[in-house]
Amino acid sequence: MSKTVAKKTKKTGFSYEKSKYRIKYLNRFKNLKKLIDFS
């Protein structure tokens, strides 16, 4: 029982970290695009 719970938490934690980084890079890309459009 506790093993599956730990597995689930690990999985969601990993996907959360991934989405966090994805958002970070997406924002950076958007800012870059803005700069390119502006210049």
C-alpha atoms as a PDB file:
ATOM      1  CA  MET A   1       0.000   0.000   0.000  1.00  0.00           C
ATOM      2  CA  SER A   2       2.601   2.552   1.083  1.00  0.00           C
ATOM      3  CA  LYS A   3       4.800   1.560  -1.851  1.00  0.00           C
ATOM      4  CA  THR A   4       2.189   2.527  -4.459  1.00  0.00           C
ATOM      5  CA  VAL A   5       1.507   5.814  -2.647  1.00  0.00           C
ATOM      6  CA  ALA A   6       5.225   6.635  -2.674  1.00  0.00           C
ATOM      7  CA  LYS A   7       5.370   5.739  -6.357  1.00  0.00           C
ATOM      8  CA  LYS A   8       2.438   8.028  -7.137  1.00  0.00           C
ATOM      9  CA  THR A   9       3.920  10.910  -5.160  1.00  0.00           C
ATOM     10  CA  LYS A  10       7.256  10.418  -6.889  1.00  0.00           C
ATOM     11  CA  LYS A  11       5.576  10.431 -10.309  1.00  0.00           C
ATOM     12  CA  THR A  12       3.478  13.527  -9.670  1.00  0.00           C
ATOM     13  CA  GLY A  13       6.456  15.272  -8.093  1.00  0.00           C
ATOM     14  CA  PHE A  14       8.504  14.541 -11.189  1.00  0.00           C
ATOM     15  CA  SER A  15       5.814  15.730 -13.593  1.00  0.00           C
ATOM     16  CA  TYR A  16       5.361  18.854 -11.438  1.00  0.00           C
ATOM     17  CA  GLU A  17       9.074  19.633 -11.698  1.00  0.00           C
ATOM     18  CA  LYS A  18       8.924  19.037 -15.447  1.00  0.00           C
ATOM     19  CA  SER A  19       5.950  21.366 -15.936  1.00  0.00           C
ATOM     20  CA  LYS A  20       7.656  23.969 -13.740  1.00  0.00           C
ATOM     21  CA  TYR A  21      10.715  23.949 -15.999  1.00  0.00           C
ATOM     22  CA  ARG A  22       8.546  23.882 -19.109  1.00  0.00           C
ATOM     23  CA  ILE A  23       6.672  27.013 -17.976  1.00  0.00           C
ATOM     24  CA  LYS A  24      10.005  28.667 -17.195  1.00  0.00           C
ATOM     25  CA  TYR A  25      11.381  27.969 -20.659  1.00  0.00           C
ATOM     26  CA  LEU A  26       8.104  28.900 -22.364  1.00  0.00           C
ATOM     27  CA  ASN A  27       8.135  32.275 -20.613  1.00  0.00           C
ATOM     28  CA  ARG A  28      11.756  32.786 -21.635  1.00  0.00           C
ATOM     29  CA  PHE A  29      10.901  31.899 -25.231  1.00  0.00           C
ATOM     30  CA  LYS A  30       7.946  34.315 -25.207  1.00  0.00           C
ATOM     31  CA  ASN A  31      10.181  37.111 -23.925  1.00  0.00           C
ATOM     32  CA  LEU A  32      12.730  36.295 -26.618  1.00  0.00           C
ATOM     33  CA  LYS A  33      10.024  36.416 -29.264  1.00  0.00           C
ATOM     34  CA  LYS A  34       8.864  39.788 -27.939  1.00  0.00           C
ATOM     35  CA  LEU A  35      12.402  41.135 -28.205  1.00  0.00           C
ATOM     36  CA  ILE A  36      12.733  39.848 -31.768  1.00  0.00           C
ATOM     37  CA  ASP A  37       9.375  41.357 -32.757  1.00  0.00           C
ATOM     38  CA  PHE A  38      10.288  44.646 -31.100  1.00  0.00           C
ATOM     39  CA  SER A  39      13.642  45.066 -32.834  1.00  0.00           C
END
